[in-house]
C-alpha cells in the first residue's frame, strides 16, 4: 500500500506489514482491539514501513481500547535497530477498530499527541494507522506532527516512486 502526503513524500507499507494488519483485523464487536509498533527506513522522500509488530501479551486489549506496552516496544526497537545496523527505526503505531471505515477517536488523537511529545520516533512526525474491520484497504492512515493529526491519501497500488522524476514506475 502506498500513501502520499504532499509535504513529506510517500509512505510505503511492505507486504509483510499489510499481512500483519490483515491477520489482526477486529472482525467482531466483542473481539479486543489489537495493535503494535511500526518500524521503517527513510529513502529520500519515501518512508518504507517494513515491520508492523504483532500485539504482545502485556498490551492492554479491550473491545474499544488498546494500549501498547512501552517496555516491550523499547525491547523491540533495540532489537530491530541493532539487526539493521541502525537503519530501521520506530516510525509509528498501529491498532484496529471494529469499523468498516475507521477514524481516530479522541483517545487515539490524545495518545498520538502524547507519543509524539515523548519523542518515541526518530523523525519529526509519526505514522498512525487504524486498521478497519472488513478490508485493510479501508484503513485510516495519517501522520501526526507539531501541527496535529492529519489523514494521508492512498496513492493506489503503486509500489515505488522514481525519486528523480516523481512518477510511479
N, C-alpha and C. Protein backbone atom coordinates (compact mmCIF):
# COMPACT_ATOMS: atom_id res chain seq x y z
N UNK A 1 0.86 -1.17 0.00
CA UNK A 1 0.00 0.00 0.00
C UNK A 1 0.90 1.23 0.00
N UNK A 2 0.54 2.19 -0.80
CA UNK A 2 1.32 3.41 -0.92
C UNK A 2 0.42 4.61 -0.63
N UNK A 3 0.91 5.51 0.22
CA UNK A 3 0.17 6.71 0.59
C UNK A 3 1.02 7.93 0.27
N UNK A 4 0.33 9.02 -0.08
CA UNK A 4 1.03 10.24 -0.45
C UNK A 4 0.67 11.38 0.47
N UNK A 5 1.69 12.16 0.82
CA UNK A 5 1.48 13.39 1.56
C UNK A 5 2.33 14.44 0.89
N UNK A 6 1.72 15.48 0.35
CA UNK A 6 2.47 16.48 -0.41
C UNK A 6 3.63 17.11 0.37
N UNK A 7 3.52 17.25 1.67
CA UNK A 7 4.59 17.88 2.45
C UNK A 7 5.73 16.92 2.79
N UNK A 8 5.50 15.62 2.73
CA UNK A 8 6.50 14.67 3.22
C UNK A 8 6.90 13.60 2.23
N UNK A 9 6.27 13.48 1.10
CA UNK A 9 6.59 12.43 0.15
C UNK A 9 5.61 11.29 0.24
N UNK A 10 6.11 10.06 0.25
CA UNK A 10 5.24 8.90 0.26
C UNK A 10 5.56 7.98 1.44
N UNK A 11 4.55 7.17 1.77
CA UNK A 11 4.69 6.16 2.81
C UNK A 11 4.31 4.85 2.16
N UNK A 12 5.25 3.92 2.13
CA UNK A 12 5.03 2.61 1.53
C UNK A 12 4.98 1.56 2.63
N UNK A 13 3.92 0.77 2.64
CA UNK A 13 3.79 -0.36 3.56
C UNK A 13 4.16 -1.62 2.78
N UNK A 14 5.17 -2.35 3.24
CA UNK A 14 5.59 -3.57 2.55
C UNK A 14 4.53 -4.66 2.72
N UNK A 15 4.58 -5.70 1.88
CA UNK A 15 3.60 -6.78 2.00
C UNK A 15 3.55 -7.42 3.39
N UNK A 16 4.68 -7.54 4.08
CA UNK A 16 4.67 -8.13 5.42
C UNK A 16 3.86 -7.29 6.40
N UNK A 17 3.93 -5.96 6.30
CA UNK A 17 3.15 -5.12 7.21
C UNK A 17 1.66 -5.24 6.90
N UNK A 18 1.33 -5.30 5.62
CA UNK A 18 -0.08 -5.44 5.23
C UNK A 18 -0.63 -6.79 5.72
N UNK A 19 0.19 -7.84 5.66
CA UNK A 19 -0.24 -9.15 6.16
C UNK A 19 -0.51 -9.11 7.66
N UNK A 20 0.32 -8.38 8.42
CA UNK A 20 0.09 -8.26 9.86
C UNK A 20 -1.24 -7.56 10.12
N UNK A 21 -1.53 -6.50 9.37
CA UNK A 21 -2.81 -5.80 9.51
C UNK A 21 -3.97 -6.76 9.20
N UNK A 22 -3.83 -7.51 8.13
CA UNK A 22 -4.89 -8.44 7.71
C UNK A 22 -5.15 -9.49 8.78
N UNK A 23 -4.11 -10.07 9.33
CA UNK A 23 -4.25 -11.11 10.36
C UNK A 23 -4.85 -10.56 11.66
N UNK A 24 -4.71 -9.28 11.90
CA UNK A 24 -5.08 -8.70 13.19
C UNK A 24 -6.41 -7.97 13.19
N UNK A 25 -7.11 -7.94 12.05
CA UNK A 25 -8.37 -7.20 11.98
C UNK A 25 -9.31 -7.60 13.11
N UNK A 26 -10.06 -6.63 13.60
CA UNK A 26 -11.06 -6.85 14.65
C UNK A 26 -12.37 -7.15 13.94
N UNK A 27 -12.73 -8.42 13.85
CA UNK A 27 -13.84 -8.84 12.99
C UNK A 27 -15.18 -8.82 13.71
N UNK A 28 -15.20 -9.01 15.02
CA UNK A 28 -16.45 -8.97 15.78
C UNK A 28 -16.37 -7.86 16.84
N UNK A 29 -17.51 -7.36 17.26
CA UNK A 29 -17.54 -6.25 18.21
C UNK A 29 -17.04 -6.63 19.60
N UNK A 30 -17.11 -7.92 19.95
CA UNK A 30 -16.62 -8.33 21.27
C UNK A 30 -15.15 -8.73 21.26
N UNK A 31 -14.55 -8.80 20.09
CA UNK A 31 -13.12 -9.12 19.97
C UNK A 31 -12.31 -7.89 20.41
N UNK A 32 -11.23 -8.08 21.17
CA UNK A 32 -10.45 -6.91 21.59
C UNK A 32 -9.67 -6.30 20.43
N UNK A 33 -9.43 -5.00 20.54
CA UNK A 33 -8.57 -4.33 19.58
C UNK A 33 -7.17 -4.92 19.70
N UNK A 34 -6.41 -4.81 18.65
CA UNK A 34 -5.01 -5.23 18.71
C UNK A 34 -4.18 -4.16 18.01
N UNK A 35 -2.89 -4.26 18.14
CA UNK A 35 -2.04 -3.26 17.52
C UNK A 35 -0.58 -3.52 17.80
N UNK A 36 0.24 -2.57 17.41
CA UNK A 36 1.67 -2.71 17.61
C UNK A 36 2.40 -1.46 17.15
N UNK A 37 3.69 -1.64 16.93
CA UNK A 37 4.56 -0.55 16.51
C UNK A 37 4.90 -0.70 15.04
N UNK A 38 5.26 0.42 14.41
CA UNK A 38 5.69 0.44 13.03
C UNK A 38 7.15 0.85 12.97
N UNK A 39 7.95 0.08 12.22
CA UNK A 39 9.37 0.37 12.04
C UNK A 39 9.65 0.51 10.56
N UNK A 40 10.56 1.43 10.22
CA UNK A 40 10.86 1.62 8.81
C UNK A 40 12.15 2.37 8.58
N UNK A 41 12.37 2.66 7.30
CA UNK A 41 13.56 3.40 6.86
C UNK A 41 13.12 4.49 5.91
N UNK A 42 13.85 5.59 5.96
CA UNK A 42 13.58 6.72 5.08
C UNK A 42 14.57 6.68 3.91
N UNK A 43 14.03 6.67 2.70
CA UNK A 43 14.83 6.69 1.47
C UNK A 43 14.44 7.96 0.71
N UNK A 44 15.21 9.02 0.87
CA UNK A 44 14.84 10.30 0.25
C UNK A 44 13.54 10.77 0.85
N UNK A 45 12.54 10.96 -0.01
CA UNK A 45 11.23 11.40 0.48
C UNK A 45 10.23 10.24 0.59
N UNK A 46 10.72 9.01 0.61
CA UNK A 46 9.83 7.87 0.78
C UNK A 46 10.16 7.13 2.07
N UNK A 47 9.15 7.00 2.93
CA UNK A 47 9.27 6.23 4.15
C UNK A 47 8.76 4.83 3.85
N UNK A 48 9.62 3.83 4.01
CA UNK A 48 9.24 2.44 3.78
C UNK A 48 9.04 1.78 5.14
N UNK A 49 7.80 1.40 5.41
CA UNK A 49 7.48 0.74 6.67
C UNK A 49 7.58 -0.76 6.42
N UNK A 50 8.61 -1.36 7.02
CA UNK A 50 8.93 -2.76 6.73
C UNK A 50 8.56 -3.71 7.86
N UNK A 51 8.22 -3.19 9.04
CA UNK A 51 7.84 -4.06 10.17
C UNK A 51 6.63 -3.46 10.88
N UNK A 52 5.60 -4.28 11.04
CA UNK A 52 4.47 -3.96 11.91
C UNK A 52 4.49 -5.06 12.97
N UNK A 53 4.81 -4.69 14.20
CA UNK A 53 4.93 -5.70 15.24
C UNK A 53 3.55 -6.23 15.63
N UNK A 54 3.47 -7.50 16.04
CA UNK A 54 2.20 -8.04 16.50
C UNK A 54 1.90 -7.56 17.91
N UNK A 55 0.64 -7.68 18.32
CA UNK A 55 0.32 -7.35 19.71
C UNK A 55 1.05 -8.29 20.65
N UNK A 56 1.35 -7.80 21.84
CA UNK A 56 2.07 -8.61 22.81
C UNK A 56 1.20 -9.02 23.98
N UNK A 57 1.65 -9.98 24.76
CA UNK A 57 0.86 -10.47 25.89
C UNK A 57 0.69 -9.43 27.01
N UNK A 58 1.58 -8.44 27.07
CA UNK A 58 1.48 -7.44 28.13
C UNK A 58 0.81 -6.14 27.66
N UNK A 59 0.24 -6.14 26.45
CA UNK A 59 -0.54 -5.00 25.98
C UNK A 59 -1.92 -5.03 26.65
N UNK A 60 -2.57 -3.87 26.77
CA UNK A 60 -3.92 -3.79 27.30
C UNK A 60 -4.88 -3.87 26.11
N UNK A 61 -5.73 -4.91 26.09
CA UNK A 61 -6.62 -5.17 24.96
C UNK A 61 -8.06 -5.27 25.43
N UNK A 62 -8.90 -4.40 24.89
CA UNK A 62 -10.34 -4.42 25.17
C UNK A 62 -11.07 -4.20 23.85
N UNK A 63 -12.39 -4.46 23.80
CA UNK A 63 -13.11 -4.27 22.54
C UNK A 63 -13.06 -2.84 21.98
N UNK A 64 -12.89 -1.84 22.80
CA UNK A 64 -12.84 -0.46 22.32
C UNK A 64 -11.60 0.29 22.82
N UNK A 65 -10.54 -0.46 23.13
CA UNK A 65 -9.33 0.18 23.66
C UNK A 65 -8.13 -0.73 23.46
N UNK A 66 -7.00 -0.11 23.12
CA UNK A 66 -5.74 -0.85 23.01
C UNK A 66 -4.60 0.05 23.45
N UNK A 67 -3.72 -0.47 24.28
CA UNK A 67 -2.54 0.28 24.71
C UNK A 67 -1.33 -0.64 24.63
N UNK A 68 -0.33 -0.17 23.90
CA UNK A 68 0.90 -0.94 23.73
C UNK A 68 1.76 -0.89 24.98
N UNK A 69 2.50 -1.95 25.21
CA UNK A 69 3.47 -1.98 26.29
C UNK A 69 4.71 -1.20 25.86
N UNK A 70 5.01 -0.13 26.56
CA UNK A 70 6.19 0.69 26.22
C UNK A 70 7.48 -0.10 26.44
N UNK A 71 7.50 -0.94 27.48
CA UNK A 71 8.71 -1.73 27.77
C UNK A 71 9.00 -2.69 26.62
N UNK A 72 7.96 -3.38 26.16
CA UNK A 72 8.12 -4.31 25.04
C UNK A 72 8.52 -3.54 23.79
N UNK A 73 7.93 -2.37 23.60
CA UNK A 73 8.27 -1.53 22.45
C UNK A 73 9.75 -1.17 22.44
N UNK A 74 10.29 -0.84 23.61
CA UNK A 74 11.71 -0.47 23.69
C UNK A 74 12.60 -1.68 23.37
N UNK A 75 12.21 -2.86 23.86
CA UNK A 75 12.98 -4.07 23.56
C UNK A 75 12.97 -4.36 22.06
N UNK A 76 11.78 -4.24 21.44
CA UNK A 76 11.68 -4.47 20.00
C UNK A 76 12.49 -3.44 19.22
N UNK A 77 12.39 -2.18 19.63
CA UNK A 77 13.15 -1.13 18.97
C UNK A 77 14.64 -1.42 19.02
N UNK A 78 15.14 -1.78 20.19
CA UNK A 78 16.57 -2.09 20.34
C UNK A 78 16.97 -3.25 19.43
N UNK A 79 16.16 -4.30 19.42
CA UNK A 79 16.48 -5.50 18.63
C UNK A 79 16.46 -5.20 17.13
N UNK A 80 15.42 -4.53 16.66
CA UNK A 80 15.28 -4.23 15.22
C UNK A 80 16.35 -3.24 14.78
N UNK A 81 16.63 -2.24 15.61
CA UNK A 81 17.65 -1.23 15.28
C UNK A 81 19.03 -1.89 15.15
N UNK A 82 19.36 -2.75 16.10
CA UNK A 82 20.67 -3.44 16.05
C UNK A 82 20.76 -4.36 14.84
N UNK A 83 19.71 -5.13 14.57
CA UNK A 83 19.71 -6.08 13.45
C UNK A 83 19.86 -5.37 12.10
N UNK A 84 19.42 -4.11 12.03
CA UNK A 84 19.50 -3.36 10.77
C UNK A 84 20.71 -2.43 10.73
N UNK A 85 21.62 -2.59 11.68
CA UNK A 85 22.79 -1.70 11.78
C UNK A 85 22.38 -0.23 11.90
N UNK A 86 21.33 0.02 12.66
CA UNK A 86 20.89 1.38 12.93
C UNK A 86 20.09 2.04 11.82
N UNK A 87 19.65 1.27 10.83
CA UNK A 87 18.92 1.86 9.70
C UNK A 87 17.41 1.84 9.86
N UNK A 88 16.89 0.84 10.56
CA UNK A 88 15.45 0.72 10.75
C UNK A 88 15.09 1.29 12.11
N UNK A 89 14.17 2.26 12.11
CA UNK A 89 13.80 2.97 13.34
C UNK A 89 12.29 2.94 13.55
N UNK A 90 11.89 3.25 14.76
CA UNK A 90 10.48 3.36 15.09
C UNK A 90 9.89 4.57 14.36
N UNK A 91 8.80 4.35 13.61
CA UNK A 91 8.19 5.45 12.85
C UNK A 91 6.72 5.65 13.17
N UNK A 92 6.12 4.78 13.99
CA UNK A 92 4.72 4.98 14.31
C UNK A 92 4.09 3.82 15.05
N UNK A 93 2.77 3.87 15.08
CA UNK A 93 1.98 2.88 15.80
C UNK A 93 0.76 2.53 14.98
N UNK A 94 0.23 1.32 15.21
CA UNK A 94 -1.00 0.90 14.54
C UNK A 94 -1.90 0.19 15.54
N UNK A 95 -3.20 0.21 15.25
CA UNK A 95 -4.15 -0.59 16.03
C UNK A 95 -5.42 -0.77 15.20
N UNK A 96 -6.32 -1.61 15.69
CA UNK A 96 -7.55 -1.92 14.97
C UNK A 96 -8.75 -1.21 15.57
N UNK A 97 -9.79 -1.10 14.77
CA UNK A 97 -11.11 -0.65 15.22
C UNK A 97 -12.13 -1.58 14.61
N UNK A 98 -13.23 -1.79 15.30
CA UNK A 98 -14.34 -2.55 14.73
C UNK A 98 -15.25 -1.57 13.97
N UNK A 99 -14.73 -1.09 12.85
CA UNK A 99 -15.45 -0.19 11.95
C UNK A 99 -15.03 -0.55 10.53
N UNK A 100 -15.96 -0.49 9.60
CA UNK A 100 -15.59 -0.77 8.20
C UNK A 100 -14.69 0.33 7.65
N UNK A 101 -14.99 1.57 8.01
CA UNK A 101 -14.18 2.72 7.60
C UNK A 101 -13.75 3.45 8.88
N UNK A 102 -12.65 3.01 9.48
CA UNK A 102 -12.26 3.55 10.78
C UNK A 102 -11.80 5.00 10.72
N UNK A 103 -11.90 5.65 11.86
CA UNK A 103 -11.39 7.01 12.02
C UNK A 103 -10.89 7.14 13.45
N UNK A 104 -9.96 8.07 13.68
CA UNK A 104 -9.40 8.20 15.03
C UNK A 104 -10.42 8.72 16.05
N UNK A 105 -10.40 8.12 17.21
CA UNK A 105 -11.22 8.60 18.32
C UNK A 105 -10.46 9.70 19.04
N UNK A 106 -11.09 10.35 20.00
CA UNK A 106 -10.39 11.39 20.75
C UNK A 106 -9.25 10.76 21.55
N UNK A 107 -9.41 9.50 21.98
CA UNK A 107 -8.33 8.81 22.69
C UNK A 107 -7.15 8.58 21.74
N UNK A 108 -7.44 8.16 20.50
CA UNK A 108 -6.38 7.96 19.51
C UNK A 108 -5.60 9.24 19.28
N UNK A 109 -6.31 10.34 19.15
CA UNK A 109 -5.66 11.64 18.91
C UNK A 109 -4.81 12.03 20.11
N UNK A 110 -5.38 11.88 21.30
CA UNK A 110 -4.66 12.23 22.52
C UNK A 110 -3.40 11.38 22.71
N UNK A 111 -3.53 10.06 22.51
CA UNK A 111 -2.39 9.14 22.67
C UNK A 111 -1.31 9.41 21.62
N UNK A 112 -1.72 9.76 20.40
CA UNK A 112 -0.75 10.07 19.34
C UNK A 112 0.02 11.34 19.67
N UNK A 113 -0.69 12.34 20.18
CA UNK A 113 -0.01 13.58 20.59
C UNK A 113 0.98 13.31 21.71
N UNK A 114 0.56 12.47 22.66
CA UNK A 114 1.43 12.13 23.79
C UNK A 114 2.68 11.39 23.31
N UNK A 115 2.51 10.41 22.41
CA UNK A 115 3.65 9.64 21.89
C UNK A 115 4.61 10.55 21.13
N UNK A 116 4.07 11.48 20.35
CA UNK A 116 4.94 12.41 19.60
C UNK A 116 5.70 13.32 20.57
N UNK A 117 5.00 13.80 21.60
CA UNK A 117 5.63 14.67 22.59
C UNK A 117 6.75 13.96 23.34
N UNK A 118 6.55 12.66 23.62
CA UNK A 118 7.57 11.87 24.31
C UNK A 118 8.74 11.54 23.38
N UNK A 119 8.59 11.92 22.10
CA UNK A 119 9.63 11.74 21.10
C UNK A 119 10.05 10.28 20.97
N UNK A 120 9.05 9.38 20.86
CA UNK A 120 9.38 7.98 20.73
C UNK A 120 9.86 7.64 19.31
N UNK A 121 9.60 8.53 18.36
CA UNK A 121 10.05 8.30 16.98
C UNK A 121 11.31 9.10 16.69
N UNK A 122 12.08 8.64 15.75
CA UNK A 122 13.31 9.31 15.37
C UNK A 122 13.09 10.37 14.30
N UNK A 123 11.86 10.55 13.88
CA UNK A 123 11.51 11.53 12.86
C UNK A 123 10.77 12.69 13.53
N UNK A 124 10.50 13.75 12.79
CA UNK A 124 9.74 14.85 13.37
C UNK A 124 8.23 14.66 13.20
N UNK A 125 7.84 13.46 12.82
CA UNK A 125 6.44 13.08 12.70
C UNK A 125 6.32 11.61 13.03
N UNK A 126 5.09 11.15 13.16
CA UNK A 126 4.82 9.76 13.47
C UNK A 126 3.66 9.28 12.60
N UNK A 127 3.74 8.06 12.10
CA UNK A 127 2.68 7.46 11.30
C UNK A 127 1.68 6.79 12.24
N UNK A 128 0.40 7.00 11.96
CA UNK A 128 -0.68 6.39 12.75
C UNK A 128 -1.57 5.62 11.79
N UNK A 129 -1.79 4.34 12.08
CA UNK A 129 -2.64 3.50 11.24
C UNK A 129 -3.75 2.90 12.10
N UNK A 130 -4.98 2.99 11.59
CA UNK A 130 -6.12 2.34 12.24
C UNK A 130 -6.69 1.37 11.20
N UNK A 131 -6.57 0.09 11.48
CA UNK A 131 -6.98 -0.96 10.55
C UNK A 131 -8.47 -1.22 10.72
N UNK A 132 -9.18 -1.22 9.59
CA UNK A 132 -10.62 -1.44 9.61
C UNK A 132 -11.00 -2.91 9.75
N UNK A 133 -12.26 -3.14 10.10
CA UNK A 133 -12.75 -4.49 10.37
C UNK A 133 -12.92 -5.33 9.12
N UNK A 134 -13.27 -4.72 8.00
CA UNK A 134 -13.59 -5.51 6.82
C UNK A 134 -12.43 -5.62 5.85
N UNK A 135 -11.88 -4.50 5.42
CA UNK A 135 -10.81 -4.51 4.42
C UNK A 135 -9.63 -3.68 4.91
N UNK A 136 -8.44 -4.22 4.78
CA UNK A 136 -7.23 -3.47 5.13
C UNK A 136 -7.12 -2.23 4.26
N UNK A 137 -7.59 -2.32 3.02
CA UNK A 137 -7.53 -1.17 2.11
C UNK A 137 -8.34 0.02 2.63
N UNK A 138 -9.28 -0.21 3.54
CA UNK A 138 -10.08 0.87 4.12
C UNK A 138 -9.46 1.44 5.39
N UNK A 139 -8.24 1.04 5.70
CA UNK A 139 -7.58 1.53 6.91
C UNK A 139 -7.43 3.05 6.87
N UNK A 140 -7.40 3.64 8.06
CA UNK A 140 -7.15 5.07 8.19
C UNK A 140 -5.65 5.23 8.41
N UNK A 141 -4.99 6.00 7.55
CA UNK A 141 -3.55 6.22 7.65
C UNK A 141 -3.32 7.72 7.74
N UNK A 142 -2.54 8.11 8.74
CA UNK A 142 -2.26 9.53 8.92
C UNK A 142 -0.89 9.76 9.51
N UNK A 143 -0.54 11.03 9.60
CA UNK A 143 0.69 11.40 10.28
C UNK A 143 0.35 12.45 11.33
N UNK A 144 1.11 12.43 12.39
CA UNK A 144 0.97 13.46 13.41
C UNK A 144 2.31 14.15 13.52
N UNK A 145 2.24 15.48 13.55
CA UNK A 145 3.44 16.29 13.76
C UNK A 145 3.04 17.43 14.69
N UNK A 146 3.85 18.45 14.77
CA UNK A 146 3.56 19.56 15.65
C UNK A 146 2.27 20.29 15.34
N UNK A 147 1.74 20.11 14.13
CA UNK A 147 0.50 20.78 13.72
C UNK A 147 -0.74 19.96 14.01
N UNK A 148 -0.58 18.66 14.31
CA UNK A 148 -1.73 17.82 14.60
C UNK A 148 -1.74 16.55 13.78
N UNK A 149 -2.85 15.82 13.89
CA UNK A 149 -3.02 14.54 13.20
C UNK A 149 -3.82 14.77 11.92
N UNK A 150 -3.27 14.35 10.78
CA UNK A 150 -3.97 14.50 9.50
C UNK A 150 -3.91 13.20 8.72
N UNK A 151 -4.98 12.94 8.01
CA UNK A 151 -5.05 11.75 7.16
C UNK A 151 -4.22 11.99 5.90
N UNK A 152 -3.57 10.92 5.43
CA UNK A 152 -2.86 10.99 4.15
C UNK A 152 -3.61 10.15 3.14
N UNK A 153 -3.51 10.53 1.88
CA UNK A 153 -4.28 9.89 0.82
C UNK A 153 -3.56 8.68 0.24
N UNK A 154 -4.33 7.68 -0.10
CA UNK A 154 -3.78 6.50 -0.75
C UNK A 154 -3.40 6.85 -2.18
N UNK A 155 -2.26 6.33 -2.61
CA UNK A 155 -1.77 6.61 -3.96
C UNK A 155 -1.93 5.37 -4.83
N UNK A 156 -2.97 4.63 -4.62
CA UNK A 156 -3.22 3.45 -5.43
C UNK A 156 -2.39 2.26 -4.99
N UNK A 157 -2.07 1.43 -5.96
CA UNK A 157 -1.36 0.19 -5.67
C UNK A 157 0.08 0.22 -6.15
N UNK A 158 0.60 1.41 -6.47
CA UNK A 158 1.99 1.54 -6.90
C UNK A 158 2.90 1.16 -5.74
N UNK A 159 4.04 0.60 -6.07
CA UNK A 159 4.97 0.23 -5.03
C UNK A 159 6.06 1.27 -4.79
N UNK A 160 6.68 1.75 -5.84
CA UNK A 160 7.81 2.67 -5.67
C UNK A 160 7.62 3.88 -6.55
N UNK A 161 8.14 5.01 -6.10
CA UNK A 161 8.20 6.22 -6.92
C UNK A 161 9.61 6.38 -7.44
N UNK A 162 9.73 6.85 -8.66
CA UNK A 162 11.04 7.19 -9.21
C UNK A 162 11.46 8.49 -8.55
N UNK A 163 12.51 8.47 -7.76
CA UNK A 163 12.93 9.62 -6.97
C UNK A 163 13.25 10.82 -7.85
N UNK A 164 13.85 10.60 -9.00
CA UNK A 164 14.23 11.72 -9.87
C UNK A 164 13.05 12.34 -10.60
N UNK A 165 12.14 11.52 -11.08
CA UNK A 165 11.04 12.03 -11.89
C UNK A 165 9.72 12.18 -11.15
N UNK A 166 9.67 11.68 -9.92
CA UNK A 166 8.45 11.75 -9.10
C UNK A 166 7.27 11.12 -9.80
N UNK A 167 7.53 10.09 -10.58
CA UNK A 167 6.45 9.37 -11.28
C UNK A 167 6.44 7.93 -10.82
N UNK A 168 5.27 7.30 -10.85
CA UNK A 168 5.23 5.88 -10.49
C UNK A 168 5.95 5.05 -11.54
N UNK A 169 6.55 3.98 -11.10
CA UNK A 169 7.20 3.06 -12.04
C UNK A 169 6.19 2.15 -12.68
